[in-house]
């Protein structure tokens, strides 16, 4: 007599197979459910980000739209404490005092991108999105000339899109935005793979889109 322990009956095998199939279907449903949840809420959370980068993509390509290429240049003159740039006791330049003076006196914006010290002159450069200012200070007299360039809101948005002169904090915003958009794209692809009737046509459309992008690059970019 054959032992049922070593040779399971067909009913036991069928039961195990059915359990495995149910487990596989349950796992697929969990993946689909999670992908749907992520896709919906990530899409809504990144709505403003997508809209911002879409609009600024157009304004970057057409900088003259909405006055994005216009700028206002102004020149100012003044005198600061001569000891800040020519102190006979310490022979040091008071960098912090000079920067704070420019900010409080002339409402200079942006971060200090350059602080150059020569024998006769000190030059301080401020940079920000769609903004720049250069202060040229005479070390002997303490007189200075400030040249400032300001641009409009469209130019500011364009520089934010590129991350130009926007600081490390905004750089993190761009990185997080890129991660959000990548997740939205991937979860959308995963959801499409679970739609049996649309799976093949969806994949074909995605491949055609990739090929079109490549062909446009080959044809249009010199």
Protein backbone atom coordinates (compact mmCIF):
# COMPACT_ATOMS: atom_id res chain seq x y z
CA UNK A 1 0.00 0.00 0.00
CA UNK A 2 1.37 3.38 -1.04
CA UNK A 3 1.69 5.98 1.69
CA UNK A 4 -0.37 9.14 1.11
CA UNK A 5 2.38 11.07 2.92
CA UNK A 6 4.88 10.44 0.13
CA UNK A 7 2.36 10.58 -2.71
CA UNK A 8 -0.21 13.30 -2.13
CA UNK A 9 -3.59 12.74 -3.71
CA UNK A 10 -4.66 14.83 -6.71
CA UNK A 11 -7.12 16.65 -4.46
CA UNK A 12 -4.28 17.87 -2.20
CA UNK A 13 -2.23 18.99 -5.21
CA UNK A 14 -5.20 20.83 -6.66
CA UNK A 15 -5.81 22.52 -3.34
CA UNK A 16 -2.20 23.71 -3.11
CA UNK A 17 -2.28 24.96 -6.70
CA UNK A 18 -5.50 26.84 -6.08
CA UNK A 19 -4.03 28.39 -2.93
CA UNK A 20 -0.92 29.48 -4.84
CA UNK A 21 -3.06 30.98 -7.60
CA UNK A 22 -5.18 32.87 -5.08
CA UNK A 23 -2.05 34.12 -3.37
CA UNK A 24 -0.62 35.30 -6.70
CA UNK A 25 -3.88 37.06 -7.63
CA UNK A 26 -4.02 38.69 -4.21
CA UNK A 27 -0.45 39.98 -4.59
CA UNK A 28 -1.27 41.41 -8.03
CA UNK A 29 -4.36 43.11 -6.65
CA UNK A 30 -2.28 44.61 -3.83
CA UNK A 31 0.28 45.94 -6.32
CA UNK A 32 -2.45 47.37 -8.53
CA UNK A 33 -4.22 48.94 -5.57
CA UNK A 34 -1.01 50.50 -4.25
CA UNK A 35 -0.07 51.77 -7.72
CA UNK A 36 -3.52 53.31 -8.17
CA UNK A 37 -3.34 55.00 -4.76
CA UNK A 38 0.16 56.35 -5.40
CA UNK A 39 -0.72 57.51 -8.90
CA UNK A 40 -3.82 59.42 -7.78
CA UNK A 41 -2.36 61.15 -4.75
CA UNK A 42 1.09 61.80 -6.19
CA UNK A 43 -0.58 63.30 -9.26
CA UNK A 44 -2.66 65.62 -7.10
CA UNK A 45 0.27 66.50 -4.83
CA UNK A 46 2.49 67.30 -7.82
CA UNK A 47 -0.23 69.12 -9.79
CA UNK A 48 1.19 72.56 -9.02
CA UNK A 49 4.73 71.34 -9.80
CA UNK A 50 3.70 69.90 -13.17
CA UNK A 51 1.78 73.07 -14.04
CA UNK A 52 4.71 75.30 -13.03
CA UNK A 53 7.29 73.42 -15.09
CA UNK A 54 4.91 73.10 -18.04
CA UNK A 55 4.19 76.86 -18.17
CA UNK A 56 7.82 77.87 -17.61
CA UNK A 57 8.86 75.40 -20.30
CA UNK A 58 6.90 77.56 -22.76
CA UNK A 59 8.18 80.86 -21.40
CA UNK A 60 11.76 79.57 -21.49
CA UNK A 61 11.36 78.66 -25.15
CA UNK A 62 9.79 82.08 -25.85
CA UNK A 63 11.49 84.54 -23.47
CA UNK A 64 9.91 87.57 -25.16
CA UNK A 65 6.41 86.42 -24.18
CA UNK A 66 4.86 88.42 -21.33
CA UNK A 67 7.95 90.62 -21.14
CA UNK A 68 10.22 87.87 -19.88
CA UNK A 69 13.29 89.40 -21.54
CA UNK A 70 12.84 92.94 -20.22
CA UNK A 71 15.14 94.25 -17.52
CA UNK A 72 15.55 97.39 -15.47
CA UNK A 73 19.07 98.59 -14.77
CA UNK A 74 19.85 101.18 -12.14
CA UNK A 75 23.07 102.72 -10.84
CA UNK A 76 23.47 104.15 -7.36
CA UNK A 77 26.32 105.89 -5.58
CA UNK A 78 27.16 106.37 -1.94
CA UNK A 79 29.75 106.28 0.80
CA UNK A 80 30.25 103.75 3.55
CA UNK A 81 32.58 103.52 6.53
CA UNK A 82 36.09 103.73 5.04
CA UNK A 83 37.49 101.56 7.85
CA UNK A 84 35.47 98.63 6.53
CA UNK A 85 37.64 98.54 3.42
CA UNK A 86 40.84 100.18 4.64
CA UNK A 87 41.45 99.62 8.33
CA UNK A 88 45.06 100.59 9.21
CA UNK A 89 44.89 98.65 12.49
CA UNK A 90 43.78 95.25 11.23
CA UNK A 91 44.34 95.61 7.46
CA UNK A 92 41.21 93.51 6.99
CA UNK A 93 38.03 94.07 5.01
CA UNK A 94 34.78 93.91 7.01
CA UNK A 95 32.86 91.64 4.63
CA UNK A 96 29.79 91.12 6.80
CA UNK A 97 29.35 94.82 7.52
CA UNK A 98 29.65 95.72 3.84
CA UNK A 99 27.09 93.11 2.74
CA UNK A 100 24.61 94.09 5.47
CA UNK A 101 25.07 97.77 4.59
CA UNK A 102 24.15 97.09 0.96
CA UNK A 103 21.13 95.06 1.99
CA UNK A 104 19.79 97.61 4.46
CA UNK A 105 20.69 100.76 2.50
CA UNK A 106 19.67 99.67 -1.00
CA UNK A 107 17.54 96.54 -0.37
CA UNK A 108 19.99 94.41 -2.34
CA UNK A 109 18.71 90.85 -2.85
CA UNK A 110 20.23 87.52 -3.67
CA UNK A 111 23.20 85.67 -2.27
CA UNK A 112 26.79 86.86 -2.38
CA UNK A 113 28.34 85.01 -5.31
CA UNK A 114 31.71 86.82 -5.32
CA UNK A 115 33.69 89.02 -2.95
CA UNK A 116 36.89 90.18 -4.60
CA UNK A 117 39.51 92.31 -2.83
CA UNK A 118 42.16 94.23 -4.75
CA UNK A 119 44.70 96.79 -3.58
CA UNK A 120 42.52 99.72 -4.60
CA UNK A 121 39.01 98.29 -4.89
CA UNK A 122 36.56 95.83 -3.35
CA UNK A 123 33.94 94.22 -5.60
CA UNK A 124 30.86 92.48 -4.21
CA UNK A 125 28.50 90.56 -6.51
CA UNK A 126 24.98 89.48 -5.56
CA UNK A 127 23.02 86.93 -7.59
CA UNK A 128 19.42 85.78 -7.44
CA UNK A 129 16.70 84.55 -9.83
CA UNK A 130 16.38 87.25 -12.54
CA UNK A 131 18.47 89.58 -10.39
CA UNK A 132 22.08 90.73 -10.11
CA UNK A 133 23.91 93.55 -8.36
CA UNK A 134 27.56 94.59 -8.40
CA UNK A 135 29.09 96.98 -5.88
CA UNK A 136 32.45 98.59 -6.66
CA UNK A 137 34.01 100.17 -3.55
CA UNK A 138 36.99 102.50 -3.52
CA UNK A 139 39.25 101.34 -0.67
CA UNK A 140 40.85 104.73 -0.12
CA UNK A 141 37.73 106.91 0.11
CA UNK A 142 35.00 104.40 0.97
CA UNK A 143 32.87 105.59 -1.95
CA UNK A 144 31.03 103.02 -4.02
CA UNK A 145 28.95 102.55 -7.13
CA UNK A 146 26.18 99.97 -7.17
CA UNK A 147 24.93 98.57 -10.46
CA UNK A 148 21.66 96.64 -10.15
CA UNK A 149 19.67 94.67 -12.75
CA UNK A 150 16.10 93.52 -12.08
CA UNK A 151 13.79 91.49 -14.29
CA UNK A 152 10.10 90.63 -14.09
CA UNK A 153 8.14 87.73 -12.64
CA UNK A 154 8.34 85.68 -15.85
CA UNK A 155 12.14 85.88 -15.83
CA UNK A 156 12.14 84.88 -12.15
CA UNK A 157 10.01 81.82 -12.94
CA UNK A 158 12.31 80.91 -15.83
CA UNK A 159 15.38 81.05 -13.59
CA UNK A 160 13.58 78.96 -10.97
CA UNK A 161 12.80 76.40 -13.66
CA UNK A 162 16.53 76.17 -14.47
CA UNK A 163 17.63 76.45 -10.83
CA UNK A 164 19.83 79.42 -11.74
CA UNK A 165 21.08 81.42 -8.75
CA UNK A 166 18.26 80.01 -6.62
CA UNK A 167 20.26 78.35 -3.84
CA UNK A 168 20.58 74.81 -2.53
CA UNK A 169 17.12 74.84 -0.96
CA UNK A 170 15.41 75.35 -4.29
CA UNK A 171 17.74 72.73 -5.77
CA UNK A 172 16.17 70.25 -3.36
CA UNK A 173 12.71 71.31 -4.56
CA UNK A 174 13.74 70.53 -8.15
CA UNK A 175 15.12 67.11 -7.12
CA UNK A 176 11.96 66.21 -5.18
CA UNK A 177 9.81 67.39 -8.09
CA UNK A 178 11.74 65.13 -10.44
CA UNK A 179 11.22 62.16 -8.10
CA UNK A 180 7.49 62.91 -7.85
CA UNK A 181 7.10 63.07 -11.63
CA UNK A 182 9.10 59.86 -12.08
CA UNK A 183 6.86 58.03 -9.59
CA UNK A 184 3.71 59.37 -11.28
CA UNK A 185 4.96 58.09 -14.65
CA UNK A 186 5.98 54.67 -13.30
CA UNK A 187 2.76 54.09 -11.35
CA UNK A 188 0.76 55.06 -14.45
CA UNK A 189 2.72 52.48 -16.47
CA UNK A 190 2.14 49.81 -13.80
CA UNK A 191 -1.60 50.54 -13.78
CA UNK A 192 -1.73 50.22 -17.54
CA UNK A 193 -0.08 46.79 -17.37
CA UNK A 194 -2.96 45.53 -15.20
CA UNK A 195 -5.54 46.49 -17.86
CA UNK A 196 -5.62 43.41 -20.09
CA UNK A 197 -7.61 45.06 -22.89
CA UNK A 198 -5.35 48.11 -22.99
CA UNK A 199 -1.99 46.54 -22.14
CA UNK A 200 -0.72 45.85 -25.66
CA UNK A 201 -2.03 49.07 -27.21
CA UNK A 202 -0.66 51.06 -24.27
CA UNK A 203 2.82 49.58 -24.60
CA UNK A 204 2.78 50.11 -28.37
CA UNK A 205 1.77 53.76 -27.83
CA UNK A 206 4.59 54.24 -25.30
CA UNK A 207 7.15 52.77 -27.70
CA UNK A 208 5.87 54.91 -30.58
CA UNK A 209 6.13 57.99 -28.35
CA UNK A 210 9.74 57.18 -27.49
CA UNK A 211 10.61 56.64 -31.15
CA UNK A 212 8.93 59.91 -32.13
CA UNK A 213 10.95 61.80 -29.51
CA UNK A 214 14.16 60.29 -30.82
CA UNK A 215 13.28 61.01 -34.46
CA UNK A 216 12.36 64.62 -33.64
CA UNK A 217 15.73 65.00 -31.92
CA UNK A 218 17.55 63.57 -34.96
CA UNK A 219 15.61 65.69 -37.45
CA UNK A 220 15.36 69.00 -35.65
CA UNK A 221 18.54 69.31 -33.54
CA UNK A 222 21.57 70.32 -35.64
